[in-house]
Amino acid sequence: MTDPTDAEAACFEAGIKFGTLYHQFAGTPLSLESAASLETAMEDAIENQPYCRAVAVEIQREKLEAALAEATADYTELTGRFLEVEIVVDDDDYEVVARMEMDGGYPLMQLESVRER
């Protein structure tokens, strides 16, 4: 068995941030009025974690509006189909940029870049 490299450890940290973000907030009641405050809450919560330098959460308003037009209530629940997220992890040796976007109906989290400092 070998120890993980510093780059692998930084990538793992990005994965932890995404897992926390998605599973902590999935199912949260969501409306057009609450979208901005929910984006901020998600960013602030994840930025508290170690090595997290930046988080950008965007709730896709067009998709939300379409879902609400078909709903019987004034809100729906947060799922990956409404989210675009970018997380930047910086562990002093590596900077990792990771994104989450929908891919084939699934919220896919992927690495954008791994850069040695």
PDB file of N, CA and C in Angstrom:
ATOM      1  N   MET A   1       0.848  -1.160   0.000  1.00  0.00           N
ATOM      2  CA  MET A   1       0.000   0.000   0.000  1.00  0.00           C
ATOM      3  C   MET A   1       0.903   1.235   0.000  1.00  0.00           C
ATOM      4  N   THR A   2       0.474   2.249  -0.757  1.00  0.00           N
ATOM      5  CA  THR A   2       1.229   3.502  -0.777  1.00  0.00           C
ATOM      6  C   THR A   2       0.382   4.615  -0.183  1.00  0.00           C
ATOM      7  N   ASP A   3       1.060   5.591   0.350  1.00  0.00           N
ATOM      8  CA  ASP A   3       0.356   6.762   0.868  1.00  0.00           C
ATOM      9  C   ASP A   3      -0.155   7.592  -0.297  1.00  0.00           C
ATOM     10  N   PRO A   4      -1.284   8.277  -0.112  1.00  0.00           N
ATOM     11  CA  PRO A   4      -1.767   9.135  -1.191  1.00  0.00           C
ATOM     12  C   PRO A   4      -0.798  10.286  -1.427  1.00  0.00           C
ATOM     13  N   THR A   5      -0.733  10.724  -2.664  1.00  0.00           N
ATOM     14  CA  THR A   5       0.091  11.896  -2.975  1.00  0.00           C
ATOM     15  C   THR A   5      -0.609  13.139  -2.446  1.00  0.00           C
ATOM     16  N   ASP A   6       0.111  14.236  -2.383  1.00  0.00           N
ATOM     17  CA  ASP A   6      -0.496  15.499  -1.952  1.00  0.00           C
ATOM     18  C   ASP A   6      -1.619  15.915  -2.902  1.00  0.00           C
ATOM     19  N   ALA A   7      -1.435  15.688  -4.195  1.00  0.00           N
ATOM     20  CA  ALA A   7      -2.472  16.030  -5.170  1.00  0.00           C
ATOM     21  C   ALA A   7      -3.724  15.174  -4.954  1.00  0.00           C
ATOM     22  N   GLU A   8      -3.533  13.886  -4.685  1.00  0.00           N
ATOM     23  CA  GLU A   8      -4.671  13.012  -4.421  1.00  0.00           C
ATOM     24  C   GLU A   8      -5.406  13.435  -3.156  1.00  0.00           C
ATOM     25  N   ALA A   9      -4.681  13.831  -2.143  1.00  0.00           N
ATOM     26  CA  ALA A   9      -5.301  14.282  -0.895  1.00  0.00           C
ATOM     27  C   ALA A   9      -6.114  15.552  -1.124  1.00  0.00           C
ATOM     28  N   ALA A  10      -5.596  16.463  -1.931  1.00  0.00           N
ATOM     29  CA  ALA A  10      -6.321  17.700  -2.233  1.00  0.00           C
ATOM     30  C   ALA A  10      -7.598  17.396  -3.024  1.00  0.00           C
ATOM     31  N   CYS A  11      -7.526  16.459  -3.954  1.00  0.00           N
ATOM     32  CA  CYS A  11      -8.709  16.042  -4.717  1.00  0.00           C
ATOM     33  C   CYS A  11      -9.740  15.393  -3.798  1.00  0.00           C
ATOM     34  N   PHE A  12      -9.281  14.593  -2.863  1.00  0.00           N
ATOM     35  CA  PHE A  12     -10.176  13.972  -1.890  1.00  0.00           C
ATOM     36  C   PHE A  12     -10.914  15.045  -1.095  1.00  0.00           C
ATOM     37  N   GLU A  13     -10.198  16.089  -0.687  1.00  0.00           N
ATOM     38  CA  GLU A  13     -10.823  17.188   0.054  1.00  0.00           C
ATOM     39  C   GLU A  13     -11.929  17.834  -0.772  1.00  0.00           C
ATOM     40  N   ALA A  14     -11.702  18.010  -2.065  1.00  0.00           N
ATOM     41  CA  ALA A  14     -12.745  18.584  -2.932  1.00  0.00           C
ATOM     42  C   ALA A  14     -13.968  17.667  -2.949  1.00  0.00           C
ATOM     43  N   GLY A  15     -13.751  16.372  -3.020  1.00  0.00           N
ATOM     44  CA  GLY A  15     -14.855  15.421  -3.006  1.00  0.00           C
ATOM     45  C   GLY A  15     -15.651  15.476  -1.715  1.00  0.00           C
ATOM     46  N   ILE A  16     -14.955  15.620  -0.603  1.00  0.00           N
ATOM     47  CA  ILE A  16     -15.628  15.739   0.695  1.00  0.00           C
ATOM     48  C   ILE A  16     -16.521  16.975   0.712  1.00  0.00           C
ATOM     49  N   LYS A  17     -16.025  18.077   0.178  1.00  0.00           N
ATOM     50  CA  LYS A  17     -16.806  19.320   0.155  1.00  0.00           C
ATOM     51  C   LYS A  17     -18.086  19.125  -0.663  1.00  0.00           C
ATOM     52  N   PHE A  18     -17.966  18.475  -1.822  1.00  0.00           N
ATOM     53  CA  PHE A  18     -19.146  18.254  -2.656  1.00  0.00           C
ATOM     54  C   PHE A  18     -20.137  17.315  -1.990  1.00  0.00           C
ATOM     55  N   GLY A  19     -19.643  16.260  -1.383  1.00  0.00           N
ATOM     56  CA  GLY A  19     -20.542  15.338  -0.696  1.00  0.00           C
ATOM     57  C   GLY A  19     -21.309  16.037   0.411  1.00  0.00           C
ATOM     58  N   THR A  20     -20.622  16.861   1.165  1.00  0.00           N
ATOM     59  CA  THR A  20     -21.267  17.615   2.237  1.00  0.00           C
ATOM     60  C   THR A  20     -22.297  18.573   1.672  1.00  0.00           C
ATOM     61  N   LEU A  21     -21.911  19.324   0.659  1.00  0.00           N
ATOM     62  CA  LEU A  21     -22.815  20.313   0.074  1.00  0.00           C
ATOM     63  C   LEU A  21     -24.081  19.645  -0.443  1.00  0.00           C
ATOM     64  N   TYR A  22     -23.911  18.622  -1.240  1.00  0.00           N
ATOM     65  CA  TYR A  22     -25.084  18.009  -1.872  1.00  0.00           C
ATOM     66  C   TYR A  22     -25.985  17.326  -0.848  1.00  0.00           C
ATOM     67  N   HIS A  23     -25.419  16.513   0.009  1.00  0.00           N
ATOM     68  CA  HIS A  23     -26.249  15.720   0.905  1.00  0.00           C
ATOM     69  C   HIS A  23     -26.772  16.509   2.095  1.00  0.00           C
ATOM     70  N   GLN A  24     -26.131  17.602   2.422  1.00  0.00           N
ATOM     71  CA  GLN A  24     -26.653  18.452   3.487  1.00  0.00           C
ATOM     72  C   GLN A  24     -27.861  19.246   3.011  1.00  0.00           C
ATOM     73  N   PHE A  25     -27.854  19.683   1.759  1.00  0.00           N
ATOM     74  CA  PHE A  25     -28.885  20.601   1.281  1.00  0.00           C
ATOM     75  C   PHE A  25     -29.922  19.978   0.353  1.00  0.00           C
ATOM     76  N   ALA A  26     -29.696  18.812  -0.208  1.00  0.00           N
ATOM     77  CA  ALA A  26     -30.690  18.176  -1.074  1.00  0.00           C
ATOM     78  C   ALA A  26     -31.985  17.996  -0.293  1.00  0.00           C
ATOM     79  N   GLY A  27     -33.086  18.364  -0.921  1.00  0.00           N
ATOM     80  CA  GLY A  27     -34.386  18.259  -0.278  1.00  0.00           C
ATOM     81  C   GLY A  27     -34.842  19.521   0.420  1.00  0.00           C
ATOM     82  N   THR A  28     -33.971  20.520   0.504  1.00  0.00           N
ATOM     83  CA  THR A  28     -34.350  21.790   1.136  1.00  0.00           C
ATOM     84  C   THR A  28     -35.480  22.435   0.337  1.00  0.00           C
ATOM     85  N   PRO A  29     -36.522  22.930   0.994  1.00  0.00           N
ATOM     86  CA  PRO A  29     -37.577  23.637   0.266  1.00  0.00           C
ATOM     87  C   PRO A  29     -36.977  24.841  -0.473  1.00  0.00           C
ATOM     88  N   LEU A  30     -37.371  25.021  -1.741  1.00  0.00           N
ATOM     89  CA  LEU A  30     -36.768  26.028  -2.607  1.00  0.00           C
ATOM     90  C   LEU A  30     -37.837  26.770  -3.382  1.00  0.00           C
ATOM     91  N   SER A  31     -37.746  28.095  -3.349  1.00  0.00           N
ATOM     92  CA  SER A  31     -38.628  28.956  -4.143  1.00  0.00           C
ATOM     93  C   SER A  31     -37.776  30.031  -4.789  1.00  0.00           C
ATOM     94  N   LEU A  32     -38.370  30.789  -5.692  1.00  0.00           N
ATOM     95  CA  LEU A  32     -37.621  31.899  -6.301  1.00  0.00           C
ATOM     96  C   LEU A  32     -37.195  32.910  -5.240  1.00  0.00           C
ATOM     97  N   GLU A  33     -38.029  33.097  -4.235  1.00  0.00           N
ATOM     98  CA  GLU A  33     -37.721  34.062  -3.174  1.00  0.00           C
ATOM     99  C   GLU A  33     -36.590  33.596  -2.270  1.00  0.00           C
ATOM    100  N   SER A  34     -36.434  32.292  -2.099  1.00  0.00           N
ATOM    101  CA  SER A  34     -35.404  31.786  -1.188  1.00  0.00           C
ATOM    102  C   SER A  34     -34.107  31.402  -1.890  1.00  0.00           C
ATOM    103  N   ALA A  35     -34.067  31.426  -3.211  1.00  0.00           N
ATOM    104  CA  ALA A  35     -32.905  30.926  -3.960  1.00  0.00           C
ATOM    105  C   ALA A  35     -31.619  31.662  -3.587  1.00  0.00           C
ATOM    106  N   ALA A  36     -31.653  32.980  -3.547  1.00  0.00           N
ATOM    107  CA  ALA A  36     -30.425  33.741  -3.263  1.00  0.00           C
ATOM    108  C   ALA A  36     -29.904  33.456  -1.859  1.00  0.00           C
ATOM    109  N   SER A  37     -30.794  33.407  -0.880  1.00  0.00           N
ATOM    110  CA  SER A  37     -30.322  33.164   0.488  1.00  0.00           C
ATOM    111  C   SER A  37     -29.820  31.728   0.646  1.00  0.00           C
ATOM    112  N   LEU A  38     -30.418  30.789  -0.085  1.00  0.00           N
ATOM    113  CA  LEU A  38     -29.948  29.406  -0.025  1.00  0.00           C
ATOM    114  C   LEU A  38     -28.564  29.282  -0.671  1.00  0.00           C
ATOM    115  N   GLU A  39     -28.339  29.964  -1.791  1.00  0.00           N
ATOM    116  CA  GLU A  39     -27.004  29.979  -2.408  1.00  0.00           C
ATOM    117  C   GLU A  39     -25.954  30.449  -1.404  1.00  0.00           C
ATOM    118  N   THR A  40     -26.258  31.550  -0.731  1.00  0.00           N
ATOM    119  CA  THR A  40     -25.321  32.116   0.250  1.00  0.00           C
ATOM    120  C   THR A  40     -25.100  31.166   1.419  1.00  0.00           C
ATOM    121  N   ALA A  41     -26.170  30.567   1.922  1.00  0.00           N
ATOM    122  CA  ALA A  41     -26.042  29.632   3.042  1.00  0.00           C
ATOM    123  C   ALA A  41     -25.169  28.438   2.668  1.00  0.00           C
ATOM    124  N   MET A  42     -25.347  27.924   1.469  1.00  0.00           N
ATOM    125  CA  MET A  42     -24.552  26.781   1.015  1.00  0.00           C
ATOM    126  C   MET A  42     -23.081  27.164   0.887  1.00  0.00           C
ATOM    127  N   GLU A  43     -22.824  28.306   0.286  1.00  0.00           N
ATOM    128  CA  GLU A  43     -21.437  28.773   0.143  1.00  0.00           C
ATOM    129  C   GLU A  43     -20.782  28.964   1.504  1.00  0.00           C
ATOM    130  N   ASP A  44     -21.476  29.655   2.403  1.00  0.00           N
ATOM    131  CA  ASP A  44     -20.917  29.927   3.732  1.00  0.00           C
ATOM    132  C   ASP A  44     -20.654  28.637   4.509  1.00  0.00           C
ATOM    133  N   ALA A  45     -21.565  27.679   4.423  1.00  0.00           N
ATOM    134  CA  ALA A  45     -21.398  26.430   5.167  1.00  0.00           C
ATOM    135  C   ALA A  45     -20.184  25.653   4.681  1.00  0.00           C
ATOM    136  N   ILE A  46     -20.008  25.558   3.379  1.00  0.00           N
ATOM    137  CA  ILE A  46     -18.903  24.766   2.835  1.00  0.00           C
ATOM    138  C   ILE A  46     -17.573  25.486   3.015  1.00  0.00           C
ATOM    139  N   GLU A  47     -17.573  26.801   2.901  1.00  0.00           N
ATOM    140  CA  GLU A  47     -16.330  27.561   3.089  1.00  0.00           C
ATOM    141  C   GLU A  47     -15.763  27.428   4.495  1.00  0.00           C
ATOM    142  N   ASN A  48     -16.566  27.002   5.445  1.00  0.00           N
ATOM    143  CA  ASN A  48     -16.079  26.778   6.809  1.00  0.00           C
ATOM    144  C   ASN A  48     -15.120  25.601   6.903  1.00  0.00           C
ATOM    145  N   GLN A  49     -15.169  24.693   5.945  1.00  0.00           N
ATOM    146  CA  GLN A  49     -14.383  23.474   6.020  1.00  0.00           C
ATOM    147  C   GLN A  49     -12.902  23.734   5.731  1.00  0.00           C
ATOM    148  N   PRO A  50     -12.035  22.909   6.297  1.00  0.00           N
ATOM    149  CA  PRO A  50     -10.595  23.074   6.077  1.00  0.00           C
ATOM    150  C   PRO A  50     -10.233  23.018   4.593  1.00  0.00           C
ATOM    151  N   TYR A  51      -9.271  23.812   4.215  1.00  0.00           N
ATOM    152  CA  TYR A  51      -8.688  23.865   2.868  1.00  0.00           C
ATOM    153  C   TYR A  51      -9.616  24.438   1.803  1.00  0.00           C
ATOM    154  N   CYS A  52     -10.803  24.839   2.170  1.00  0.00           N
ATOM    155  CA  CYS A  52     -11.737  25.371   1.186  1.00  0.00           C
ATOM    156  C   CYS A  52     -11.447  26.860   1.009  1.00  0.00           C
ATOM    157  N   ARG A  53     -11.019  27.233  -0.192  1.00  0.00           N
ATOM    158  CA  ARG A  53     -10.705  28.638  -0.463  1.00  0.00           C
ATOM    159  C   ARG A  53     -11.905  29.394  -1.006  1.00  0.00           C
ATOM    160  N   ALA A  54     -12.718  28.746  -1.841  1.00  0.00           N
ATOM    161  CA  ALA A  54     -13.853  29.445  -2.443  1.00  0.00           C
ATOM    162  C   ALA A  54     -14.934  28.454  -2.847  1.00  0.00           C
ATOM    163  N   VAL A  55     -16.178  28.923  -2.759  1.00  0.00           N
ATOM    164  CA  VAL A  55     -17.325  28.141  -3.201  1.00  0.00           C
ATOM    165  C   VAL A  55     -18.266  29.093  -3.927  1.00  0.00           C
ATOM    166  N   ALA A  56     -18.708  28.695  -5.106  1.00  0.00           N
ATOM    167  CA  ALA A  56     -19.701  29.473  -5.848  1.00  0.00           C
ATOM    168  C   ALA A  56     -20.869  28.544  -6.172  1.00  0.00           C
ATOM    169  N   VAL A  57     -22.043  28.889  -5.644  1.00  0.00           N
ATOM    170  CA  VAL A  57     -23.250  28.110  -5.874  1.00  0.00           C
ATOM    171  C   VAL A  57     -24.212  28.968  -6.685  1.00  0.00           C
ATOM    172  N   GLU A  58     -24.701  28.406  -7.783  1.00  0.00           N
ATOM    173  CA  GLU A  58     -25.697  29.109  -8.585  1.00  0.00           C
ATOM    174  C   GLU A  58     -26.907  28.201  -8.761  1.00  0.00           C
ATOM    175  N   ILE A  59     -28.048  28.670  -8.279  1.00  0.00           N
ATOM    176  CA  ILE A  59     -29.309  27.968  -8.507  1.00  0.00           C
ATOM    177  C   ILE A  59     -29.854  28.477  -9.833  1.00  0.00           C
ATOM    178  N   GLN A  60     -30.073  27.565 -10.750  1.00  0.00           N
ATOM    179  CA  GLN A  60     -30.533  27.907 -12.093  1.00  0.00           C
ATOM    180  C   GLN A  60     -31.995  28.362 -12.038  1.00  0.00           C
ATOM    181  N   ARG A  61     -32.195  29.674 -12.109  1.00  0.00           N
ATOM    182  CA  ARG A  61     -33.533  30.249 -11.953  1.00  0.00           C
ATOM    183  C   ARG A  61     -34.506  29.790 -13.051  1.00  0.00           C
ATOM    184  N   GLU A  62     -34.011  29.638 -14.285  1.00  0.00           N
ATOM    185  CA  GLU A  62     -34.911  29.226 -15.376  1.00  0.00           C
ATOM    186  C   GLU A  62     -35.477  27.829 -15.114  1.00  0.00           C
ATOM    187  N   LYS A  63     -34.609  26.935 -14.674  1.00  0.00           N
ATOM    188  CA  LYS A  63     -35.048  25.570 -14.372  1.00  0.00           C
ATOM    189  C   LYS A  63     -35.989  25.563 -13.169  1.00  0.00           C
ATOM    190  N   LEU A  64     -35.694  26.406 -12.195  1.00  0.00           N
ATOM    191  CA  LEU A  64     -36.548  26.511 -11.018  1.00  0.00           C
ATOM    192  C   LEU A  64     -37.928  27.044 -11.408  1.00  0.00           C
ATOM    193  N   GLU A  65     -37.964  28.085 -12.227  1.00  0.00           N
ATOM    194  CA  GLU A  65     -39.238  28.643 -12.678  1.00  0.00           C
ATOM    195  C   GLU A  65     -40.067  27.592 -13.412  1.00  0.00           C
ATOM    196  N   ALA A  66     -39.431  26.820 -14.273  1.00  0.00           N
ATOM    197  CA  ALA A  66     -40.146  25.775 -15.012  1.00  0.00           C
ATOM    198  C   ALA A  66     -40.715  24.722 -14.062  1.00  0.00           C
ATOM    199  N   ALA A  67     -39.944  24.330 -13.071  1.00  0.00           N
ATOM    200  CA  ALA A  67     -40.420  23.336 -12.099  1.00  0.00           C
ATOM    201  C   ALA A  67     -41.577  23.889 -11.276  1.00  0.00           C
ATOM    202  N   LEU A  68     -41.473  25.148 -10.888  1.00  0.00           N
ATOM    203  CA  LEU A  68     -42.535  25.759 -10.088  1.00  0.00           C
ATOM    204  C   LEU A  68     -43.820  25.924 -10.893  1.00  0.00           C
ATOM    205  N   ALA A  69     -43.697  26.154 -12.198  1.00  0.00           N
ATOM    206  CA  ALA A  69     -44.883  26.292 -13.043  1.00  0.00           C
ATOM    207  C   ALA A  69     -45.685  24.999 -13.092  1.00  0.00           C
ATOM    208  N   GLU A  70     -45.020  23.866 -12.915  1.00  0.00           N
ATOM    209  CA  GLU A  70     -45.686  22.564 -12.932  1.00  0.00           C
ATOM    210  C   GLU A  70     -46.086  22.082 -11.541  1.00  0.00           C
ATOM    211  N   ALA A  71     -45.638  22.782 -10.505  1.00  0.00           N
ATOM    212  CA  ALA A  71     -45.872  22.342  -9.124  1.00  0.00           C
ATOM    213  C   ALA A  71     -47.240  22.791  -8.624  1.00  0.00           C
ATOM    214  N   THR A  72     -47.741  22.082  -7.639  1.00  0.00           N
ATOM    215  CA  THR A  72     -49.001  22.462  -7.012  1.00  0.00           C
ATOM    216  C   THR A  72     -48.779  23.375  -5.808  1.00  0.00           C
ATOM    217  N   ALA A  73     -47.519  23.540  -5.406  1.00  0.00           N
ATOM    218  CA  ALA A  73     -47.176  24.408  -4.274  1.00  0.00           C
ATOM    219  C   ALA A  73     -46.328  25.578  -4.782  1.00  0.00           C
ATOM    220  N   ASP A  74     -46.029  26.510  -3.892  1.00  0.00           N
ATOM    221  CA  ASP A  74     -45.214  27.673  -4.247  1.00  0.00           C
ATOM    222  C   ASP A  74     -43.724  27.400  -4.106  1.00  0.00           C
ATOM    223  N   TYR A  75     -43.380  26.157  -3.866  1.00  0.00           N
ATOM    224  CA  TYR A  75     -41.971  25.782  -3.711  1.00  0.00           C
ATOM    225  C   TYR A  75     -41.776  24.376  -4.256  1.00  0.00           C
ATOM    226  N   THR A  76     -40.509  24.002  -4.397  1.00  0.00           N
ATOM    227  CA  THR A  76     -40.138  22.646  -4.754  1.00  0.00           C
ATOM    228  C   THR A  76     -38.973  22.266  -3.865  1.00  0.00           C
ATOM    229  N   GLU A  77     -38.369  21.111  -4.078  1.00  0.00           N
ATOM    230  CA  GLU A  77     -37.215  20.753  -3.260  1.00  0.00           C
ATOM    231  C   GLU A  77     -35.943  20.872  -4.077  1.00  0.00           C
ATOM    232  N   LEU A  78     -34.878  21.250  -3.410  1.00  0.00           N
ATOM    233  CA  LEU A  78     -33.584  21.403  -4.060  1.00  0.00           C
ATOM    234  C   LEU A  78     -33.053  20.041  -4.483  1.00  0.00           C
ATOM    235  N   THR A  79     -32.684  19.943  -5.753  1.00  0.00           N
ATOM    236  CA  THR A  79     -32.009  18.764  -6.285  1.00  0.00           C
ATOM    237  C   THR A  79     -30.859  19.252  -7.153  1.00  0.00           C
ATOM    238  N   GLY A  80     -30.032  18.332  -7.590  1.00  0.00           N
ATOM    239  CA  GLY A  80     -28.891  18.683  -8.418  1.00  0.00           C
ATOM    240  C   GLY A  80     -29.262  19.333  -9.735  1.00  0.00           C
ATOM    241  N   ARG A  81     -30.481  19.084 -10.227  1.00  0.00           N
ATOM    242  CA  ARG A  81     -30.864  19.667 -11.522  1.00  0.00           C
ATOM    243  C   ARG A  81     -30.927  21.184 -11.492  1.00  0.00           C
ATOM    244  N   PHE A  82     -31.004  21.772 -10.305  1.00  0.00           N
ATOM    245  CA  PHE A  82     -31.061  23.227 -10.191  1.00  0.00           C
ATOM    246  C   PHE A  82     -29.688  23.860  -9.942  1.00  0.00           C
ATOM    247  N   LEU A  83     -28.662  23.052  -9.711  1.00  0.00           N
ATOM    248  CA  LEU A  83     -27.386  23.578  -9.214  1.00  0.00           C
ATOM    249  C   LEU A  83     -26.255  23.571 -10.233  1.00  0.00           C
ATOM    250  N   GLU A  84     -25.469  24.631 -10.169  1.00  0.00           N
ATOM    251  CA  GLU A  84     -24.129  24.660 -10.740  1.00  0.00           C
ATOM    252  C   GLU A  84     -23.223  25.139  -9.612  1.00  0.00           C
ATOM    253  N   VAL A  85     -22.179  24.371  -9.343  1.00  0.00           N
ATOM    254  CA  VAL A  85     -21.319  24.656  -8.196  1.00  0.00           C
ATOM    255  C   VAL A  85     -19.860  24.563  -8.614  1.00  0.00           C
ATOM    256  N   GLU A  86     -19.050  25.476  -8.099  1.00  0.00           N
ATOM    257  CA  GLU A  86     -17.600  25.386  -8.247  1.00  0.00           C
ATOM    258  C   GLU A  86     -16.977  25.503  -6.862  1.00  0.00           C
ATOM    259  N   ILE A  87     -16.050  24.611  -6.570  1.00  0.00           N
ATOM    260  CA  ILE A  87     -15.338  24.620  -5.289  1.00  0.00           C
ATOM    261  C   ILE A  87     -13.848  24.654  -5.576  1.00  0.00           C
ATOM    262  N   VAL A  88     -13.144  25.516  -4.840  1.00  0.00           N
ATOM    263  CA  VAL A  88     -11.689  25.607  -4.947  1.00  0.00           C
ATOM    264  C   VAL A  88     -11.096  25.204  -3.604  1.00  0.00           C
ATOM    265  N   VAL A  89     -10.250  24.183  -3.649  1.00  0.00           N
ATOM    266  CA  VAL A  89      -9.546  23.690  -2.465  1.00  0.00           C
ATOM    267  C   VAL A  89      -8.079  24.067  -2.616  1.00  0.00           C
ATOM    268  N   ASP A  90      -7.501  24.548  -1.535  1.00  0.00           N
ATOM    269  CA  ASP A  90      -6.094  24.962  -1.548  1.00  0.00           C
ATOM    270  C   ASP A  90      -5.448  24.444  -0.272  1.00  0.00           C
ATOM    271  N   ASP A  91      -4.546  23.463  -0.413  1.00  0.00           N
ATOM    272  CA  ASP A  91      -3.903  22.881   0.770  1.00  0.00           C
ATOM    273  C   ASP A  91      -2.447  23.313   0.919  1.00  0.00           C
ATOM    274  N   ASP A  92      -2.093  24.439   0.363  1.00  0.00           N
ATOM    275  CA  ASP A  92      -0.747  25.023   0.365  1.00  0.00           C
ATOM    276  C   ASP A  92       0.173  24.410  -0.684  1.00  0.00           C
ATOM    277  N   ASP A  93      -0.012  23.148  -1.031  1.00  0.00           N
ATOM    278  CA  ASP A  93       0.816  22.519  -2.060  1.00  0.00           C
ATOM    279  C   ASP A  93       0.100  22.447  -3.407  1.00  0.00           C
ATOM    280  N   TYR A  94      -1.236  22.263  -3.367  1.00  0.00           N
ATOM    281  CA  TYR A  94      -2.026  22.105  -4.586  1.00  0.00           C
ATOM    282  C   TYR A  94      -3.304  22.926  -4.509  1.00  0.00           C
ATOM    283  N   GLU A  95      -3.698  23.436  -5.661  1.00  0.00           N
ATOM    284  CA  GLU A  95      -5.004  24.063  -5.803  1.00  0.00           C
ATOM    285  C   GLU A  95      -5.841  23.161  -6.699  1.00  0.00           C
ATOM    286  N   VAL A  96      -7.013  22.798  -6.223  1.00  0.00           N
ATOM    287  CA  VAL A  96      -7.925  21.930  -6.960  1.00  0.00           C
ATOM    288  C   VAL A  96      -9.205  22.715  -7.224  1.00  0.00           C
ATOM    289  N   VAL A  97      -9.627  22.707  -8.488  1.00  0.00           N
ATOM    290  CA  VAL A  97     -10.897  23.314  -8.869  1.00  0.00           C
ATOM    291  C   VAL A  97     -11.799  22.184  -9.341  1.00  0.00           C
ATOM    292  N   ALA A  98     -12.984  22.117  -8.739  1.00  0.00           N
ATOM    293  CA  ALA A  98     -13.943  21.068  -9.076  1.00  0.00           C
ATOM    294  C   ALA A  98     -15.303  21.716  -9.317  1.00  0.00           C
ATOM    295  N   ARG A  99     -16.089  21.083 -10.189  1.00  0.00           N
ATOM    296  CA  ARG A  99     -17.405  21.608 -10.552  1.00  0.00           C
ATOM    297  C   ARG A  99     -18.462  20.516 -10.467  1.00  0.00           C
ATOM    298  N   MET A 100     -19.686  20.958 -10.268  1.00  0.00           N
ATOM    299  CA  MET A 100     -20.825  20.062 -10.342  1.00  0.00           C
ATOM    300  C   MET A 100     -21.808  20.635 -11.340  1.00  0.00           C
ATOM    301  N   GLU A 101     -22.179  19.808 -12.318  1.00  0.00           N
ATOM    302  CA  GLU A 101     -23.181  20.171 -13.307  1.00  0.00           C
ATOM    303  C   GLU A 101     -23.975  18.919 -13.636  1.00  0.00           C
ATOM    304  N   MET A 102     -25.145  19.103 -14.194  1.00  0.00           N
ATOM    305  CA  MET A 102     -25.951  17.962 -14.600  1.00  0.00           C
ATOM    306  C   MET A 102     -25.342  17.324 -15.844  1.00  0.00           C
ATOM    307  N   ASP A 103     -25.330  16.001 -15.861  1.00  0.00           N
ATOM    308  CA  ASP A 103     -24.836  15.242 -17.004  1.00  0.00           C
ATOM    309  C   ASP A 103     -25.735  14.022 -17.162  1.00  0.00           C
ATOM    310  N   GLY A 104     -26.571  14.049 -18.188  1.00  0.00           N
ATOM    311  CA  GLY A 104     -27.476  12.925 -18.412  1.00  0.00           C
ATOM    312  C   GLY A 104     -28.469  12.719 -17.288  1.00  0.00           C
ATOM    313  N   GLY A 105     -28.933  13.795 -16.679  1.00  0.00           N
ATOM    314  CA  GLY A 105     -29.907  13.694 -15.604  1.00  0.00           C
ATOM    315  C   GLY A 105     -29.312  13.406 -14.235  1.00  0.00           C
ATOM    316  N   TYR A 106     -27.991  13.414 -14.141  1.00  0.00           N
ATOM    317  CA  TYR A 106     -27.313  13.110 -12.877  1.00  0.00           C
ATOM    318  C   TYR A 106     -26.388  14.270 -12.512  1.00  0.00           C
ATOM    319  N   PRO A 107     -26.369  14.691 -11.241  1.00  0.00           N
ATOM    320  CA  PRO A 107     -25.452  15.767 -10.832  1.00  0.00           C
ATOM    321  C   PRO A 107     -24.023  15.227 -10.737  1.00  0.00           C
ATOM    322  N   LEU A 108     -23.247  15.460 -11.777  1.00  0.00           N
ATOM    323  CA  LEU A 108     -21.896  14.923 -11.870  1.00  0.00           C
ATOM    324  C   LEU A 108     -20.892  15.923 -11.296  1.00  0.00           C
ATOM    325  N   MET A 109     -20.063  15.440 -10.395  1.00  0.00           N
ATOM    326  CA  MET A 109     -19.009  16.249  -9.800  1.00  0.00           C
ATOM    327  C   MET A 109     -17.702  15.833 -10.460  1.00  0.00           C
ATOM    328  N   GLN A 110     -16.957  16.819 -10.959  1.00  0.00           N
ATOM    329  CA  GLN A 110     -15.741  16.488 -11.697  1.00  0.00           C
ATOM    330  C   GLN A 110     -14.635  17.489 -11.428  1.00  0.00           C
ATOM    331  N   LEU A 111     -13.400  17.025 -11.608  1.00  0.00           N
ATOM    332  CA  LEU A 111     -12.247  17.896 -11.454  1.00  0.00           C
ATOM    333  C   LEU A 111     -12.078  18.740 -12.706  1.00  0.00           C
ATOM    334  N   GLU A 112     -11.857  20.021 -12.502  1.00  0.00           N
ATOM    335  CA  GLU A 112     -11.544  20.923 -13.606  1.00  0.00           C
ATOM    336  C   GLU A 112     -10.030  21.052 -13.754  1.00  0.00           C
ATOM    337  N   SER A 113      -9.354  21.201 -12.598  1.00  0.00           N
ATOM    338  CA  SER A 113      -7.898  21.347 -12.652  1.00  0.00           C
ATOM    339  C   SER A 113      -7.273  20.993 -11.312  1.00  0.00           C
ATOM    340  N   VAL A 114      -6.027  20.543 -11.393  1.00  0.00           N
ATOM    341  CA  VAL A 114      -5.193  20.279 -10.225  1.00  0.00           C
ATOM    342  C   VAL A 114      -3.867  20.958 -10.537  1.00  0.00           C
ATOM    343  N   ARG A 115      -3.537  21.972  -9.738  1.00  0.00           N
ATOM    344  CA  ARG A 115      -2.356  22.768 -10.038  1.00  0.00           C
ATOM    345  C   ARG A 115      -1.410  22.788  -8.837  1.00  0.00           C
ATOM    346  N   GLU A 116      -0.169  22.429  -9.088  1.00  0.00           N
ATOM    347  CA  GLU A 116       0.829  22.493  -8.025  1.00  0.00           C
ATOM    348  C   GLU A 116       1.203  23.955  -7.801  1.00  0.00           C
ATOM    349  N   ARG A 117       1.375  24.306  -6.546  1.00  0.00           N
ATOM    350  CA  ARG A 117       1.730  25.705  -6.205  1.00  0.00           C
ATOM    351  C   ARG A 117       3.220  25.891  -6.214  1.00  0.00           C
TER     352      ARG A 117
END
